[in-house]
Amino acid sequence: MKLQNVFFLISFLIFTNHFSQRQFVFFGSYNWEKGSEAVYVYELDTETGKLTKVASSSDVINPGYITVSSDGKYVYAASDAKTPNYGTVSSFAFDADTKTLTLLNQQKTGGENPVYVNVDKSGKWLINATYNQATISVFPILENGKIDPMAQHFKFTEGSGIHPTRQEKAHTHSVVFSPDDKTVLFADLGADKILQYPFDANQKQPLIESQSTFINTKPGSGPRHITFSKDGKLAYSIEELAGMISVYDFSDNKLTEIQRIATHPEKLKEGFESSDVHISPDGKFLYASNRGKENNIAIFKILNDGKLESIGYKKTGGKHPRTFAIDETGKFIIVTNVNSNSATVLRRNPETGMLKRVGKRVTLGHPTCVKIKAY
C-alpha cells in the first residue's frame, strides 16, 4: 500500500471515530410538580439536533445544578434546591451502553439551597456551593462514584452588597476549576466578590484556605457564573444584577479586570437577570444567557487580546434560560427554559458564531441545568 494511502486511511479512521461518537444530554429539573422527573438523559442526533429521551430519575428533589464526571460514568447533582432547611449532593451512575441512570447515594451539604456542583478532572473531589446560606463544601469521591462525607466546609457569614433584596448577605453561586485544576474560583453574588482558592487534589483537604484570596467586583454587579479560556489565561464572569460580563486577565494567577461589557442592548436599562456563560470549543466566540425581559443568548466575538465584541442576540424560544451547554464539536447549543418547561436546540455557525433554532422544543419539567457529554 502506498504511503499516501496509509495516511489517508489513518486520517479517515480518526475522522470517522471522532464524528461517530454518541452525545448524551443531561438535564437537572425542579420536580415539585406531579409527574415531573428530577434528572433526564437524552441522546443528541449530531446531524439534525434532535433530542431523544433515553433515561430519567425522580430519586432526588429539585436538582438545581448538575455535572458529569470527565469519564462520563457519573452524574452529580446539587439537589434539594429551594427546599427550606435542607440541601444535599447526589451521585448517579450512567451506563451509556444500556442507557440507564442509577442513584448511588447522597450527602448533606451543610447549607441551604445548593446551586452549583463541580468535579475536578481526576474525579476525586466534588465541590458544592449553596446560596441561601453561603457555604462551600468539599466531598471525596470513591472509586465507585459514590460521595463520601464532606472533608471541608466553609461558611461565609460576612459580606453584603448594595442591592436591597438580593445582596442582604453573602450568596455563593458557582464553583469553577481553572483548566489546570490548580485553582478554584467561587462567585459570591451577594457580597460582590470572586473568591480564589488554590487546589491540590492529592491533599486530604484539597482547598488551601490559608492561601485563599478574593477580589471585589463592581458594587451591585452580582457575579454569578465564570468560565475560563482554554489556556487558563483569561476568565469571564457574568454579572446577574448588572447585566454585564467582566473580562479578567489571569496569566499571573491573579484576576485583573481588562474589560466590562453589557450582555444586553443599550436601550434596556433594567431587568437583565444575566445567568450563564460559555466559550465555544474553538475559542472564537463567547455566549451568555439573559433571562428577565430578554430571554436570549448574547453572542460575542473573542478578540486577539481576549476582550469581547458584541455581535448579536438570539431568542431561546422559551422563558428564563437559566443555563445552556455547547456540545464538544461546537455544532449545537442546548438551552434550558425553566419557566417554559422546555429545552431548545440551537445550531451554531462556526464561522460567524450566529445561532439558529433547529428541531422541536423538548418539553420536560422545569429544566434548571444542562450538560452534554460525548461517549
Protein backbone atom coordinates (compact mmCIF):
# COMPACT_ATOMS: atom_id res chain seq x y z
CA MET A 1 0.00 0.00 0.00
CA LYS A 2 1.33 3.40 -0.97
CA LEU A 3 2.38 5.70 1.86
CA GLN A 4 -0.17 8.36 0.86
CA ASN A 5 -2.93 5.75 1.01
CA VAL A 6 -1.85 4.77 4.50
CA PHE A 7 -2.05 8.41 5.62
CA PHE A 8 -5.48 8.70 4.01
CA LEU A 9 -6.74 5.59 5.80
CA ILE A 10 -5.45 6.78 9.18
CA SER A 11 -6.99 10.21 8.69
CA PHE A 12 -10.30 8.64 7.65
CA LEU A 13 -10.39 6.39 10.72
CA ILE A 14 -9.62 9.30 13.05
CA PHE A 15 -12.29 11.43 11.38
CA THR A 16 -14.87 8.63 11.47
CA ASN A 17 -14.17 7.82 15.12
CA HIS A 18 -14.43 11.47 16.15
CA PHE A 19 -17.75 12.08 14.46
CA SER A 20 -19.28 8.70 15.28
CA GLN A 21 -19.23 9.48 18.99
CA ARG A 22 -22.57 9.37 20.71
CA GLN A 23 -23.54 12.52 22.57
CA PHE A 24 -25.80 12.39 25.60
CA VAL A 25 -27.54 15.39 27.14
CA PHE A 26 -28.22 15.52 30.89
CA PHE A 27 -30.84 17.80 32.41
CA GLY A 28 -31.49 18.67 36.04
CA SER A 29 -35.05 19.80 36.77
CA TYR A 30 -37.14 21.21 39.59
CA ASN A 31 -39.54 18.31 40.14
CA TRP A 32 -42.03 19.69 42.65
CA GLU A 33 -44.91 19.11 40.22
CA LYS A 34 -46.58 15.70 39.99
CA GLY A 35 -45.18 13.57 37.18
CA SER A 36 -42.02 15.65 36.77
CA GLU A 37 -38.65 13.89 36.86
CA ALA A 38 -35.52 15.23 38.57
CA VAL A 39 -32.80 14.16 36.13
CA TYR A 40 -33.35 13.45 32.44
CA VAL A 41 -30.99 11.91 29.89
CA TYR A 42 -31.44 12.45 26.14
CA GLU A 43 -29.38 11.37 23.16
CA LEU A 44 -28.44 14.09 20.69
CA ASP A 45 -28.63 13.42 16.95
CA THR A 46 -25.46 15.18 15.84
CA GLU A 47 -26.78 15.69 12.31
CA THR A 48 -30.26 17.08 12.97
CA GLY A 49 -30.04 18.29 16.57
CA LYS A 50 -33.00 16.10 17.58
CA LEU A 51 -33.16 15.05 21.23
CA THR A 52 -34.48 11.59 22.14
CA LYS A 53 -35.17 10.67 25.76
CA VAL A 54 -33.34 7.54 26.96
CA ALA A 55 -33.49 7.65 30.78
CA SER A 56 -34.72 9.63 33.78
CA SER A 57 -34.86 9.57 37.57
CA SER A 58 -37.16 11.01 40.22
CA ASP A 59 -34.99 9.76 43.09
CA VAL A 60 -33.84 13.22 44.23
CA ILE A 61 -35.53 16.55 44.90
CA ASN A 62 -35.05 19.70 42.83
CA PRO A 63 -31.56 19.37 41.37
CA GLY A 64 -30.66 22.99 40.75
CA TYR A 65 -27.38 22.14 39.07
CA ILE A 66 -25.69 19.01 37.73
CA THR A 67 -22.31 18.00 36.38
CA VAL A 68 -20.84 14.93 34.67
CA SER A 69 -17.53 13.27 35.55
CA SER A 70 -14.75 13.56 32.97
CA ASP A 71 -15.09 9.85 32.08
CA GLY A 72 -18.86 10.19 31.70
CA LYS A 73 -19.65 7.38 34.14
CA TYR A 74 -21.17 9.51 36.90
CA VAL A 75 -23.62 12.38 37.19
CA TYR A 76 -23.62 14.61 40.26
CA ALA A 77 -26.49 16.85 41.32
CA ALA A 78 -26.79 19.75 43.73
CA SER A 79 -30.18 18.55 44.96
CA ASP A 80 -32.87 19.81 47.33
CA ALA A 81 -32.54 23.28 45.83
CA LYS A 82 -35.23 25.69 47.06
CA THR A 83 -36.10 23.24 49.85
CA PRO A 84 -36.16 25.04 53.23
CA ASN A 85 -33.62 23.89 55.82
CA TYR A 86 -32.22 21.19 53.57
CA GLY A 87 -29.52 20.56 50.98
CA THR A 88 -27.77 17.51 49.54
CA VAL A 89 -25.42 16.44 46.78
CA SER A 90 -26.35 13.28 44.92
CA SER A 91 -24.44 10.76 42.81
CA PHE A 92 -25.77 8.76 39.86
CA ALA A 93 -24.14 6.08 37.70
CA PHE A 94 -24.79 6.38 33.96
CA ASP A 95 -24.20 3.48 31.57
CA ALA A 96 -24.01 4.74 28.00
CA ASP A 97 -24.36 1.23 26.55
CA THR A 98 -27.52 0.26 28.43
CA LYS A 99 -28.68 3.88 28.68
CA THR A 100 -29.52 3.55 32.36
CA LEU A 101 -29.28 6.07 35.19
CA THR A 102 -28.99 4.77 38.76
CA LEU A 103 -28.90 6.75 42.02
CA LEU A 104 -25.85 5.78 44.08
CA ASN A 105 -26.01 7.91 47.23
CA GLN A 106 -26.42 11.36 48.79
CA GLN A 107 -24.60 13.52 51.31
CA LYS A 108 -25.74 16.60 53.22
CA THR A 109 -24.19 19.90 52.13
CA GLY A 110 -24.33 21.73 55.43
CA GLY A 111 -26.03 24.65 53.70
CA GLU A 112 -29.43 25.50 52.25
CA ASN A 113 -30.25 25.77 48.55
CA PRO A 114 -27.27 24.15 46.74
CA VAL A 115 -26.99 25.91 43.38
CA TYR A 116 -23.75 24.64 41.83
CA VAL A 117 -21.68 21.47 41.87
CA ASN A 118 -18.43 20.64 40.08
CA VAL A 119 -15.91 17.79 39.93
CA ASP A 120 -12.16 18.02 39.34
CA LYS A 121 -10.59 16.26 36.35
CA SER A 122 -9.13 13.48 38.50
CA GLY A 123 -12.62 12.55 39.63
CA LYS A 124 -11.50 12.51 43.26
CA TRP A 125 -13.29 15.60 44.52
CA LEU A 126 -16.71 17.21 44.33
CA ILE A 127 -17.24 20.83 45.41
CA ASN A 128 -20.64 22.35 46.08
CA ALA A 129 -21.82 25.93 46.68
CA THR A 130 -25.04 26.82 48.48
CA TYR A 131 -26.87 30.10 48.03
CA ASN A 132 -29.27 30.84 50.90
CA GLN A 133 -26.57 30.11 53.46
CA ALA A 134 -23.34 30.97 51.67
CA THR A 135 -21.25 27.81 52.04
CA ILE A 136 -18.67 25.78 50.16
CA SER A 137 -18.49 22.04 50.80
CA VAL A 138 -15.80 19.63 49.55
CA PHE A 139 -16.50 15.89 49.27
CA PRO A 140 -14.20 12.97 48.42
CA ILE A 141 -15.48 10.75 45.60
CA LEU A 142 -14.95 6.99 45.91
CA GLU A 143 -13.80 4.78 43.03
CA ASN A 144 -17.37 3.52 42.58
CA GLY A 145 -18.64 7.07 42.08
CA LYS A 146 -20.28 7.41 45.47
CA ILE A 147 -19.79 10.58 47.51
CA ASP A 148 -18.08 10.33 50.90
CA PRO A 149 -18.99 12.69 53.79
CA MET A 150 -17.53 16.18 53.42
CA ALA A 151 -13.84 16.79 54.01
CA GLN A 152 -14.03 20.60 54.13
CA HIS A 153 -16.76 23.12 54.82
CA PHE A 154 -16.61 26.91 54.68
CA LYS A 155 -19.41 29.24 55.73
CA PHE A 156 -19.41 32.91 54.79
CA THR A 157 -21.29 34.98 57.32
CA GLU A 158 -19.91 38.39 56.40
CA GLY A 159 -20.39 40.49 53.31
CA SER A 160 -23.28 42.18 51.53
CA GLY A 161 -23.94 44.46 48.57
CA ILE A 162 -25.95 47.50 47.60
CA HIS A 163 -28.96 45.70 46.10
CA PRO A 164 -31.65 45.91 48.82
CA THR A 165 -33.19 42.44 48.37
CA ARG A 166 -30.64 40.32 46.54
CA GLN A 167 -27.48 41.34 48.39
CA GLU A 168 -28.54 41.42 52.04
CA LYS A 169 -25.79 38.87 52.75
CA ALA A 170 -23.27 36.63 51.00
CA HIS A 171 -24.63 34.25 48.33
CA THR A 172 -22.08 31.87 46.80
CA HIS A 173 -23.32 30.92 43.33
CA SER A 174 -20.71 28.92 41.41
CA VAL A 175 -17.66 26.65 41.61
CA VAL A 176 -15.25 26.78 38.66
CA PHE A 177 -11.92 24.96 38.25
CA SER A 178 -9.14 26.54 36.22
CA PRO A 179 -8.12 24.43 33.18
CA ASP A 180 -5.03 23.12 35.02
CA ASP A 181 -7.14 22.23 38.10
CA LYS A 182 -4.81 24.21 40.37
CA THR A 183 -7.27 26.98 41.22
CA VAL A 184 -10.96 27.15 42.07
CA LEU A 185 -12.98 30.35 41.70
CA PHE A 186 -16.23 31.00 43.58
CA ALA A 187 -18.59 33.79 42.56
CA ASP A 188 -20.33 35.46 45.52
CA LEU A 189 -23.38 37.25 44.12
CA GLY A 190 -24.43 38.71 47.46
CA ALA A 191 -21.11 40.22 48.51
CA ASP A 192 -19.86 41.26 45.05
CA LYS A 193 -16.75 39.11 45.31
CA ILE A 194 -14.88 36.42 43.43
CA LEU A 195 -13.06 34.10 45.82
CA GLN A 196 -9.90 32.28 44.72
CA TYR A 197 -8.57 29.11 46.38
CA PRO A 198 -5.50 27.06 45.42
CA PHE A 199 -6.49 23.42 44.83
CA ASP A 200 -4.40 20.25 45.30
CA ALA A 201 -6.23 17.01 44.50
CA ASN A 202 -3.61 14.96 46.36
CA GLN A 203 -4.27 16.57 49.74
CA LYS A 204 -6.80 15.29 52.27
CA GLN A 205 -8.23 18.80 52.29
CA PRO A 206 -7.67 19.99 48.70
CA LEU A 207 -8.81 23.62 49.05
CA ILE A 208 -5.90 25.53 50.60
CA GLU A 209 -7.69 28.08 52.77
CA SER A 210 -4.52 29.67 54.12
CA GLN A 211 -3.64 30.88 50.61
CA SER A 212 -7.12 31.96 49.57
CA THR A 213 -7.71 35.46 48.20
CA PHE A 214 -10.57 37.44 46.72
CA ILE A 215 -11.31 40.45 44.55
CA ASN A 216 -14.17 42.89 44.89
CA THR A 217 -16.34 43.29 41.80
CA LYS A 218 -18.28 46.43 40.92
CA PRO A 219 -20.89 47.33 43.59
CA GLY A 220 -24.25 45.85 42.71
CA SER A 221 -22.82 43.67 39.93
CA GLY A 222 -23.78 40.29 41.42
CA PRO A 223 -21.22 37.90 39.86
CA ARG A 224 -22.93 34.58 39.12
CA HIS A 225 -21.07 32.19 36.78
CA ILE A 226 -17.49 32.13 35.47
CA THR A 227 -15.72 30.47 32.56
CA PHE A 228 -12.04 30.24 31.62
CA SER A 229 -10.33 30.43 28.26
CA LYS A 230 -8.86 27.06 27.26
CA ASP A 231 -5.30 28.15 28.15
CA GLY A 232 -6.43 29.49 31.53
CA LYS A 233 -5.03 32.96 30.91
CA LEU A 234 -8.42 34.69 30.84
CA ALA A 235 -11.56 34.42 32.95
CA TYR A 236 -15.03 35.72 32.10
CA SER A 237 -17.58 36.44 34.84
CA ILE A 238 -21.24 37.08 34.08
CA GLU A 239 -22.92 39.51 36.47
CA GLU A 240 -26.58 38.74 37.09
CA LEU A 241 -27.71 42.02 38.66
CA ALA A 242 -25.80 44.43 36.41
CA GLY A 243 -26.26 42.52 33.16
CA MET A 244 -22.55 42.71 32.39
CA ILE A 245 -19.57 40.44 31.67
CA SER A 246 -16.26 41.27 33.29
CA VAL A 247 -13.16 40.03 31.49
CA TYR A 248 -10.14 39.24 33.65
CA ASP A 249 -6.52 38.62 32.82
CA PHE A 250 -5.41 35.54 34.80
CA SER A 251 -1.97 34.97 33.27
CA ASP A 252 -0.25 35.65 36.61
CA ASN A 253 -2.73 33.56 38.60
CA LYS A 254 -4.37 36.78 39.72
CA LEU A 255 -7.64 38.27 38.49
CA THR A 256 -7.10 41.66 36.83
CA GLU A 257 -10.06 43.28 35.08
CA ILE A 258 -9.37 44.32 31.49
CA GLN A 259 -12.91 44.91 30.19
CA ARG A 260 -16.54 45.13 31.27
CA ILE A 261 -19.22 44.81 28.60
CA ALA A 262 -23.02 44.66 28.63
CA THR A 263 -24.87 41.46 27.78
CA HIS A 264 -27.85 43.45 26.51
CA PRO A 265 -28.64 46.31 24.11
CA GLU A 266 -28.09 49.83 25.44
CA LYS A 267 -31.82 50.62 25.29
CA LEU A 268 -32.51 48.09 28.06
CA LYS A 269 -31.93 49.73 31.42
CA GLU A 270 -33.19 47.12 33.92
CA GLY A 271 -34.48 43.56 34.34
CA PHE A 272 -31.33 41.92 32.96
CA GLU A 273 -31.09 38.70 35.02
CA SER A 274 -27.97 37.55 33.17
CA SER A 275 -27.26 33.94 34.03
CA ASP A 276 -24.81 31.60 32.27
CA VAL A 277 -21.65 31.97 30.20
CA HIS A 278 -19.60 29.61 27.99
CA ILE A 279 -16.91 29.73 25.30
CA SER A 280 -17.14 27.77 22.04
CA PRO A 281 -14.68 24.85 21.74
CA ASP A 282 -12.73 26.71 19.04
CA GLY A 283 -12.20 29.61 21.46
CA LYS A 284 -13.51 32.16 18.99
CA PHE A 285 -16.87 33.09 20.50
CA LEU A 286 -18.42 33.60 23.91
CA TYR A 287 -22.14 33.13 24.65
CA ALA A 288 -24.18 34.42 27.59
CA SER A 289 -27.80 33.82 28.58
CA ASN A 290 -30.18 36.59 29.63
CA ARG A 291 -33.43 35.86 31.43
CA GLY A 292 -35.86 38.57 32.60
CA LYS A 293 -37.16 40.73 29.77
CA GLU A 294 -34.80 39.35 27.12
CA ASN A 295 -34.85 35.53 27.16
CA ASN A 296 -31.97 35.30 24.71
CA ILE A 297 -28.39 34.26 24.14
CA ALA A 298 -25.97 37.16 23.71
CA ILE A 299 -23.20 36.42 21.20
CA PHE A 300 -19.68 37.87 21.45
CA LYS A 301 -16.59 37.56 19.29
CA ILE A 302 -13.42 36.98 21.31
CA LEU A 303 -10.71 39.33 20.04
CA ASN A 304 -7.00 38.56 19.93
CA ASP A 305 -6.40 40.20 23.30
CA GLY A 306 -9.25 38.26 24.92
CA LYS A 307 -11.64 41.20 25.04
CA LEU A 308 -15.19 40.84 23.74
CA GLU A 309 -17.08 42.41 20.85
CA SER A 310 -20.88 42.13 20.89
CA ILE A 311 -22.13 40.75 17.55
CA GLY A 312 -25.73 39.69 18.14
CA TYR A 313 -28.54 38.05 20.10
CA LYS A 314 -30.72 35.00 19.62
CA LYS A 315 -34.08 34.38 21.31
CA THR A 316 -34.16 31.00 23.01
CA GLY A 317 -37.79 30.25 22.18
CA GLY A 318 -38.67 30.00 25.85
CA LYS A 319 -38.74 31.86 29.14
CA HIS A 320 -35.99 32.09 31.76
CA PRO A 321 -32.97 30.46 30.04
CA ARG A 322 -31.14 29.60 33.26
CA THR A 323 -28.27 27.57 31.80
CA PHE A 324 -27.01 26.29 28.46
CA ALA A 325 -24.29 23.98 27.17
CA ILE A 326 -22.23 23.71 23.99
CA ASP A 327 -21.56 20.23 22.61
CA GLU A 328 -17.95 19.11 22.21
CA THR A 329 -17.96 19.57 18.42
CA GLY A 330 -19.20 23.14 18.82
CA LYS A 331 -22.10 22.40 16.50
CA PHE A 332 -25.01 22.83 18.92
CA ILE A 333 -26.04 24.88 21.93
CA ILE A 334 -28.79 23.48 24.16
CA VAL A 335 -30.70 25.87 26.43
CA THR A 336 -32.91 25.23 29.49
CA ASN A 337 -36.02 27.42 29.62
CA VAL A 338 -37.13 26.91 33.22
CA ASN A 339 -40.41 28.81 33.15
CA SER A 340 -41.47 27.33 29.80
CA ASN A 341 -40.83 23.73 30.86
CA SER A 342 -38.69 23.27 27.77
CA ALA A 343 -35.25 22.87 26.24
CA THR A 344 -34.22 24.42 22.92
CA VAL A 345 -31.53 23.25 20.50
CA LEU A 346 -29.62 25.92 18.57
CA ARG A 347 -27.29 25.18 15.67
CA ARG A 348 -24.09 27.23 15.76
CA ASN A 349 -22.37 28.65 12.68
CA PRO A 350 -18.66 28.07 13.41
CA GLU A 351 -17.56 30.87 11.08
CA THR A 352 -19.87 33.67 12.21
CA GLY A 353 -20.85 32.43 15.68
CA MET A 354 -24.52 33.05 14.89
CA LEU A 355 -27.26 30.73 16.15
CA LYS A 356 -30.37 29.17 14.59
CA ARG A 357 -33.09 27.16 16.31
CA VAL A 358 -33.46 23.61 15.00
CA GLY A 359 -35.99 20.86 15.63
CA LYS A 360 -38.86 20.97 18.09
CA ARG A 361 -38.63 22.26 21.61
CA VAL A 362 -38.39 19.42 24.12
CA THR A 363 -40.92 19.53 26.94
CA LEU A 364 -39.64 18.46 30.36
CA GLY A 365 -40.27 19.52 33.97
CA HIS A 366 -38.66 22.82 34.92
CA PRO A 367 -35.16 22.27 33.47
CA THR A 368 -32.56 24.04 35.58
CA CYS A 369 -29.29 22.80 34.14
CA VAL A 370 -27.91 21.01 31.08
CA LYS A 371 -24.64 19.21 30.37
CA ILE A 372 -23.53 17.45 27.18
CA LYS A 373 -21.07 14.55 27.10
CA ALA A 374 -19.59 12.59 24.19
CA TYR A 375 -19.04 8.82 24.54
